């Protein structure tokens, strides 16, 4: 009888461990509302170390069989042309918004934060101007940033890195892709469907 109980206990432990697998998934949308494909999504931490997927044509990503109880980080990135959608008109809009902060929504401010300081100042305008004039060929943070749907510049949400603490069940995290410097959302990426 003791052997039977031990065997059942071991069987339960193995099955419970196998059943404690979760899915982390979501969708990446363009600021214009379309779905964004070809975004690299990396999940790291816990027993999995690092997993990487690329969003499909529907802008979705999925990580299956993610063990429960561990801490993870979701990271998004995308390469692209630094001036896609960026023009001197964006400089004018950023300058106006610096003078009247009520003009922009949270994603506007994220796009305007060219130097990734968490604030938007005339230095962002100067840096973007240098990129437009080809005095600089890259932005410090790359051309794209990805914020969670609940993002509110400086107060809630996450950008580029999302911590997941003590994962216990399936998780859906959706993102909005913002092209840095393109505050009016005119980027014409072919990856927005």
C-alpha atoms as a PDB file:
ATOM      1  CA  UNK A   1       0.000   0.000   0.000  1.00  0.00           C
ATOM      2  CA  UNK A   2       2.862   2.378   0.843  1.00  0.00           C
ATOM      3  CA  UNK A   3       4.409   1.775  -2.598  1.00  0.00           C
ATOM      4  CA  UNK A   4       1.078   2.488  -4.287  1.00  0.00           C
ATOM      5  CA  UNK A   5       0.716   5.812  -2.437  1.00  0.00           C
ATOM      6  CA  UNK A   6       4.317   6.772  -3.312  1.00  0.00           C
ATOM      7  CA  UNK A   7       3.733   5.868  -6.947  1.00  0.00           C
ATOM      8  CA  UNK A   8       0.500   7.894  -7.079  1.00  0.00           C
ATOM      9  CA  UNK A   9       2.223  10.857  -5.412  1.00  0.00           C
ATOM     10  CA  UNK A  10       5.075  10.793  -7.970  1.00  0.00           C
ATOM     11  CA  UNK A  11       2.577  10.385 -10.820  1.00  0.00           C
ATOM     12  CA  UNK A  12       0.626  13.411  -9.537  1.00  0.00           C
ATOM     13  CA  UNK A  13       3.796  15.527  -9.252  1.00  0.00           C
ATOM     14  CA  UNK A  14       4.814  14.711 -12.814  1.00  0.00           C
ATOM     15  CA  UNK A  15       1.348  15.383 -14.231  1.00  0.00           C
ATOM     16  CA  UNK A  16       0.921  18.592 -12.221  1.00  0.00           C
ATOM     17  CA  UNK A  17       4.263  19.842 -13.501  1.00  0.00           C
ATOM     18  CA  UNK A  18       3.303  18.959 -17.069  1.00  0.00           C
ATOM     19  CA  UNK A  19      -0.097  20.598 -16.733  1.00  0.00           C
ATOM     20  CA  UNK A  20       1.352  23.837 -15.315  1.00  0.00           C
ATOM     21  CA  UNK A  21       2.164  25.149 -18.772  1.00  0.00           C
ATOM     22  CA  UNK A  22       0.823  28.464 -19.982  1.00  0.00           C
ATOM     23  CA  UNK A  23       0.530  30.459 -23.175  1.00  0.00           C
ATOM     24  CA  UNK A  24       1.725  34.038 -23.530  1.00  0.00           C
ATOM     25  CA  UNK A  25       0.295  35.639 -26.637  1.00  0.00           C
ATOM     26  CA  UNK A  26      -0.931  38.889 -28.066  1.00  0.00           C
ATOM     27  CA  UNK A  27      -1.244  41.155 -31.036  1.00  0.00           C
ATOM     28  CA  UNK A  28       0.781  44.113 -32.302  1.00  0.00           C
ATOM     29  CA  UNK A  29      -1.147  46.963 -33.918  1.00  0.00           C
ATOM     30  CA  UNK A  30       0.147  49.937 -35.850  1.00  0.00           C
ATOM     31  CA  UNK A  31      -0.688  53.376 -34.501  1.00  0.00           C
ATOM     32  CA  UNK A  32      -3.067  53.674 -37.467  1.00  0.00           C
ATOM     33  CA  UNK A  33      -4.985  50.631 -36.223  1.00  0.00           C
ATOM     34  CA  UNK A  34      -3.671  48.099 -38.737  1.00  0.00           C
ATOM     35  CA  UNK A  35      -1.966  44.872 -37.720  1.00  0.00           C
ATOM     36  CA  UNK A  36       1.835  44.825 -37.667  1.00  0.00           C
ATOM     37  CA  UNK A  37       3.721  41.819 -38.994  1.00  0.00           C
ATOM     38  CA  UNK A  38       7.459  41.074 -38.824  1.00  0.00           C
ATOM     39  CA  UNK A  39       7.969  42.333 -35.263  1.00  0.00           C
ATOM     40  CA  UNK A  40      10.520  40.286 -33.308  1.00  0.00           C
ATOM     41  CA  UNK A  41       9.103  39.254 -29.921  1.00  0.00           C
ATOM     42  CA  UNK A  42      11.447  37.705 -27.357  1.00  0.00           C
ATOM     43  CA  UNK A  43      10.420  35.979 -24.139  1.00  0.00           C
ATOM     44  CA  UNK A  44      13.210  35.470 -21.607  1.00  0.00           C
ATOM     45  CA  UNK A  45      13.525  34.271 -18.040  1.00  0.00           C
ATOM     46  CA  UNK A  46      12.617  31.293 -15.948  1.00  0.00           C
ATOM     47  CA  UNK A  47      13.392  27.782 -17.133  1.00  0.00           C
ATOM     48  CA  UNK A  48      12.970  28.661 -20.819  1.00  0.00           C
ATOM     49  CA  UNK A  49      16.004  31.001 -21.015  1.00  0.00           C
ATOM     50  CA  UNK A  50      15.061  32.766 -24.303  1.00  0.00           C
ATOM     51  CA  UNK A  51      12.425  32.138 -26.973  1.00  0.00           C
ATOM     52  CA  UNK A  52      11.944  34.319 -30.063  1.00  0.00           C
ATOM     53  CA  UNK A  53       9.050  34.533 -32.523  1.00  0.00           C
ATOM     54  CA  UNK A  54       8.062  36.975 -35.258  1.00  0.00           C
ATOM     55  CA  UNK A  55       4.530  38.348 -35.561  1.00  0.00           C
ATOM     56  CA  UNK A  56       2.564  36.875 -38.457  1.00  0.00           C
ATOM     57  CA  UNK A  57       0.441  38.666 -41.068  1.00  0.00           C
ATOM     58  CA  UNK A  58      -2.331  39.066 -38.459  1.00  0.00           C
ATOM     59  CA  UNK A  59       0.124  40.793 -36.105  1.00  0.00           C
ATOM     60  CA  UNK A  60      -0.056  37.960 -33.577  1.00  0.00           C
ATOM     61  CA  UNK A  61       2.613  36.210 -31.544  1.00  0.00           C
ATOM     62  CA  UNK A  62       2.361  33.142 -29.307  1.00  0.00           C
ATOM     63  CA  UNK A  63       4.640  31.398 -26.826  1.00  0.00           C
ATOM     64  CA  UNK A  64       3.297  27.973 -25.854  1.00  0.00           C
ATOM     65  CA  UNK A  65       4.258  25.717 -22.956  1.00  0.00           C
ATOM     66  CA  UNK A  66       5.604  28.473 -20.710  1.00  0.00           C
ATOM     67  CA  UNK A  67       6.135  27.056 -17.181  1.00  0.00           C
ATOM     68  CA  UNK A  68       4.175  28.518 -14.273  1.00  0.00           C
ATOM     69  CA  UNK A  69       5.695  30.217 -11.265  1.00  0.00           C
ATOM     70  CA  UNK A  70       8.604  31.941 -13.005  1.00  0.00           C
ATOM     71  CA  UNK A  71       9.308  35.569 -13.859  1.00  0.00           C
ATOM     72  CA  UNK A  72       9.640  36.526 -17.523  1.00  0.00           C
ATOM     73  CA  UNK A  73      10.284  39.548 -19.715  1.00  0.00           C
ATOM     74  CA  UNK A  74       8.601  40.230 -23.072  1.00  0.00           C
ATOM     75  CA  UNK A  75      10.692  42.380 -25.410  1.00  0.00           C
ATOM     76  CA  UNK A  76       9.704  43.705 -28.851  1.00  0.00           C
ATOM     77  CA  UNK A  77      11.845  45.229 -31.568  1.00  0.00           C
ATOM     78  CA  UNK A  78      11.680  45.994 -35.250  1.00  0.00           C
ATOM     79  CA  UNK A  79      14.147  47.358 -37.734  1.00  0.00           C
ATOM     80  CA  UNK A  80      13.152  49.854 -40.367  1.00  0.00           C
ATOM     81  CA  UNK A  81      13.990  53.031 -42.206  1.00  0.00           C
ATOM     82  CA  UNK A  82      14.576  55.769 -39.650  1.00  0.00           C
ATOM     83  CA  UNK A  83      12.798  58.438 -41.738  1.00  0.00           C
ATOM     84  CA  UNK A  84       9.700  56.420 -42.644  1.00  0.00           C
ATOM     85  CA  UNK A  85       6.871  58.880 -42.000  1.00  0.00           C
ATOM     86  CA  UNK A  86       9.199  61.482 -40.470  1.00  0.00           C
ATOM     87  CA  UNK A  87       9.205  64.976 -41.939  1.00  0.00           C
ATOM     88  CA  UNK A  88       9.621  68.607 -40.961  1.00  0.00           C
ATOM     89  CA  UNK A  89       5.867  68.641 -40.325  1.00  0.00           C
ATOM     90  CA  UNK A  90       6.514  66.307 -37.378  1.00  0.00           C
ATOM     91  CA  UNK A  91       9.028  68.862 -36.057  1.00  0.00           C
ATOM     92  CA  UNK A  92       6.341  71.547 -36.219  1.00  0.00           C
ATOM     93  CA  UNK A  93       3.814  69.330 -34.412  1.00  0.00           C
ATOM     94  CA  UNK A  94       6.297  68.437 -31.651  1.00  0.00           C
ATOM     95  CA  UNK A  95       7.230  72.097 -31.169  1.00  0.00           C
ATOM     96  CA  UNK A  96       3.552  73.061 -30.914  1.00  0.00           C
ATOM     97  CA  UNK A  97       2.920  70.271 -28.389  1.00  0.00           C
ATOM     98  CA  UNK A  98       5.874  71.375 -26.240  1.00  0.00           C
ATOM     99  CA  UNK A  99       4.230  74.800 -26.053  1.00  0.00           C
ATOM    100  CA  UNK A 100       0.750  73.315 -25.471  1.00  0.00           C
ATOM    101  CA  UNK A 101       0.969  69.832 -23.881  1.00  0.00           C
ATOM    102  CA  UNK A 102      -2.770  69.221 -24.337  1.00  0.00           C
ATOM    103  CA  UNK A 103      -2.215  68.690 -28.081  1.00  0.00           C
ATOM    104  CA  UNK A 104      -0.880  65.128 -27.995  1.00  0.00           C
ATOM    105  CA  UNK A 105      -2.082  61.704 -26.856  1.00  0.00           C
ATOM    106  CA  UNK A 106       0.260  59.255 -25.036  1.00  0.00           C
ATOM    107  CA  UNK A 107       1.436  57.621 -28.276  1.00  0.00           C
ATOM    108  CA  UNK A 108       2.168  61.052 -29.777  1.00  0.00           C
ATOM    109  CA  UNK A 109       4.444  61.772 -26.795  1.00  0.00           C
ATOM    110  CA  UNK A 110       6.141  58.376 -27.130  1.00  0.00           C
ATOM    111  CA  UNK A 111       6.895  59.092 -30.803  1.00  0.00           C
ATOM    112  CA  UNK A 112       8.134  62.588 -29.899  1.00  0.00           C
ATOM    113  CA  UNK A 113      10.530  61.313 -27.206  1.00  0.00           C
ATOM    114  CA  UNK A 114      13.374  60.893 -29.699  1.00  0.00           C
ATOM    115  CA  UNK A 115      16.151  60.581 -27.097  1.00  0.00           C
ATOM    116  CA  UNK A 116      14.158  58.198 -24.838  1.00  0.00           C
ATOM    117  CA  UNK A 117      14.370  60.298 -21.662  1.00  0.00           C
ATOM    118  CA  UNK A 118      10.713  60.011 -20.681  1.00  0.00           C
ATOM    119  CA  UNK A 119      10.127  63.688 -21.419  1.00  0.00           C
ATOM    120  CA  UNK A 120       9.761  65.696 -24.605  1.00  0.00           C
ATOM    121  CA  UNK A 121      11.860  68.849 -24.923  1.00  0.00           C
ATOM    122  CA  UNK A 122      13.427  70.992 -27.604  1.00  0.00           C
ATOM    123  CA  UNK A 123      16.396  68.610 -27.502  1.00  0.00           C
ATOM    124  CA  UNK A 124      14.132  65.967 -29.083  1.00  0.00           C
ATOM    125  CA  UNK A 125      13.305  68.457 -31.839  1.00  0.00           C
ATOM    126  CA  UNK A 126      17.010  69.170 -32.409  1.00  0.00           C
ATOM    127  CA  UNK A 127      17.895  65.465 -32.548  1.00  0.00           C
ATOM    128  CA  UNK A 128      15.069  64.687 -34.964  1.00  0.00           C
ATOM    129  CA  UNK A 129      16.104  67.643 -37.136  1.00  0.00           C
ATOM    130  CA  UNK A 130      19.628  66.186 -37.336  1.00  0.00           C
ATOM    131  CA  UNK A 131      18.214  62.858 -38.515  1.00  0.00           C
ATOM    132  CA  UNK A 132      16.022  64.568 -41.135  1.00  0.00           C
ATOM    133  CA  UNK A 133      19.040  66.515 -42.420  1.00  0.00           C
ATOM    134  CA  UNK A 134      21.136  63.312 -42.452  1.00  0.00           C
ATOM    135  CA  UNK A 135      23.546  64.759 -39.882  1.00  0.00           C
ATOM    136  CA  UNK A 136      22.726  61.667 -37.794  1.00  0.00           C
ATOM    137  CA  UNK A 137      21.878  58.337 -39.370  1.00  0.00           C
ATOM    138  CA  UNK A 138      20.202  56.589 -36.460  1.00  0.00           C
ATOM    139  CA  UNK A 139      18.117  57.139 -33.360  1.00  0.00           C
ATOM    140  CA  UNK A 140      19.332  55.941 -29.965  1.00  0.00           C
ATOM    141  CA  UNK A 141      16.336  53.652 -29.473  1.00  0.00           C
ATOM    142  CA  UNK A 142      15.875  52.474 -33.055  1.00  0.00           C
ATOM    143  CA  UNK A 143      13.040  53.446 -35.349  1.00  0.00           C
ATOM    144  CA  UNK A 144      10.221  51.559 -33.568  1.00  0.00           C
ATOM    145  CA  UNK A 145       8.958  51.403 -29.983  1.00  0.00           C
ATOM    146  CA  UNK A 146       6.176  49.184 -28.704  1.00  0.00           C
ATOM    147  CA  UNK A 147       3.857  50.172 -25.869  1.00  0.00           C
ATOM    148  CA  UNK A 148       1.200  48.149 -24.109  1.00  0.00           C
ATOM    149  CA  UNK A 149      -2.386  49.145 -24.847  1.00  0.00           C
ATOM    150  CA  UNK A 150      -2.756  50.710 -21.374  1.00  0.00           C
ATOM    151  CA  UNK A 151       0.233  53.011 -21.971  1.00  0.00           C
ATOM    152  CA  UNK A 152      -0.106  56.570 -20.704  1.00  0.00           C
ATOM    153  CA  UNK A 153       3.116  58.529 -21.192  1.00  0.00           C
ATOM    154  CA  UNK A 154       4.957  58.637 -17.882  1.00  0.00           C
ATOM    155  CA  UNK A 155       2.301  57.041 -15.686  1.00  0.00           C
ATOM    156  CA  UNK A 156       1.028  53.587 -16.731  1.00  0.00           C
ATOM    157  CA  UNK A 157       1.843  50.801 -19.129  1.00  0.00           C
ATOM    158  CA  UNK A 158       5.137  49.509 -20.449  1.00  0.00           C
ATOM    159  CA  UNK A 159       7.331  50.280 -23.445  1.00  0.00           C
ATOM    160  CA  UNK A 160       9.514  47.690 -25.228  1.00  0.00           C
ATOM    161  CA  UNK A 161       9.996  45.532 -22.089  1.00  0.00           C
ATOM    162  CA  UNK A 162       7.088  44.019 -20.178  1.00  0.00           C
ATOM    163  CA  UNK A 163       7.831  42.240 -16.903  1.00  0.00           C
ATOM    164  CA  UNK A 164       5.724  39.185 -16.108  1.00  0.00           C
ATOM    165  CA  UNK A 165       6.003  38.194 -12.462  1.00  0.00           C
ATOM    166  CA  UNK A 166       5.120  34.745 -11.148  1.00  0.00           C
ATOM    167  CA  UNK A 167       3.205  33.564 -14.225  1.00  0.00           C
ATOM    168  CA  UNK A 168       0.256  31.430 -13.091  1.00  0.00           C
ATOM    169  CA  UNK A 169      -2.098  31.325 -16.084  1.00  0.00           C
ATOM    170  CA  UNK A 170      -2.374  32.148 -19.768  1.00  0.00           C
ATOM    171  CA  UNK A 171      -1.541  35.778 -20.475  1.00  0.00           C
ATOM    172  CA  UNK A 172      -2.465  38.108 -23.339  1.00  0.00           C
ATOM    173  CA  UNK A 173      -0.375  41.258 -23.857  1.00  0.00           C
ATOM    174  CA  UNK A 174      -1.226  43.503 -26.816  1.00  0.00           C
ATOM    175  CA  UNK A 175       1.008  46.272 -28.131  1.00  0.00           C
ATOM    176  CA  UNK A 176       0.849  49.424 -30.254  1.00  0.00           C
ATOM    177  CA  UNK A 177       3.829  50.065 -32.553  1.00  0.00           C
ATOM    178  CA  UNK A 178       5.028  53.676 -32.708  1.00  0.00           C
ATOM    179  CA  UNK A 179       7.610  54.940 -35.199  1.00  0.00           C
ATOM    180  CA  UNK A 180       9.943  57.362 -33.418  1.00  0.00           C
ATOM    181  CA  UNK A 181       9.635  60.911 -34.728  1.00  0.00           C
ATOM    182  CA  UNK A 182       6.473  60.134 -36.697  1.00  0.00           C
ATOM    183  CA  UNK A 183       4.019  61.913 -34.403  1.00  0.00           C
ATOM    184  CA  UNK A 184       1.243  62.142 -37.013  1.00  0.00           C
ATOM    185  CA  UNK A 185       1.329  58.404 -37.782  1.00  0.00           C
ATOM    186  CA  UNK A 186       2.197  58.670 -41.456  1.00  0.00           C
ATOM    187  CA  UNK A 187       4.789  55.861 -41.556  1.00  0.00           C
ATOM    188  CA  UNK A 188       4.089  53.774 -44.634  1.00  0.00           C
ATOM    189  CA  UNK A 189       5.561  50.485 -43.468  1.00  0.00           C
ATOM    190  CA  UNK A 190       4.542  47.561 -45.617  1.00  0.00           C
ATOM    191  CA  UNK A 191       4.230  45.537 -42.417  1.00  0.00           C
ATOM    192  CA  UNK A 192       1.019  47.335 -41.332  1.00  0.00           C
ATOM    193  CA  UNK A 193      -1.982  45.457 -42.689  1.00  0.00           C
END
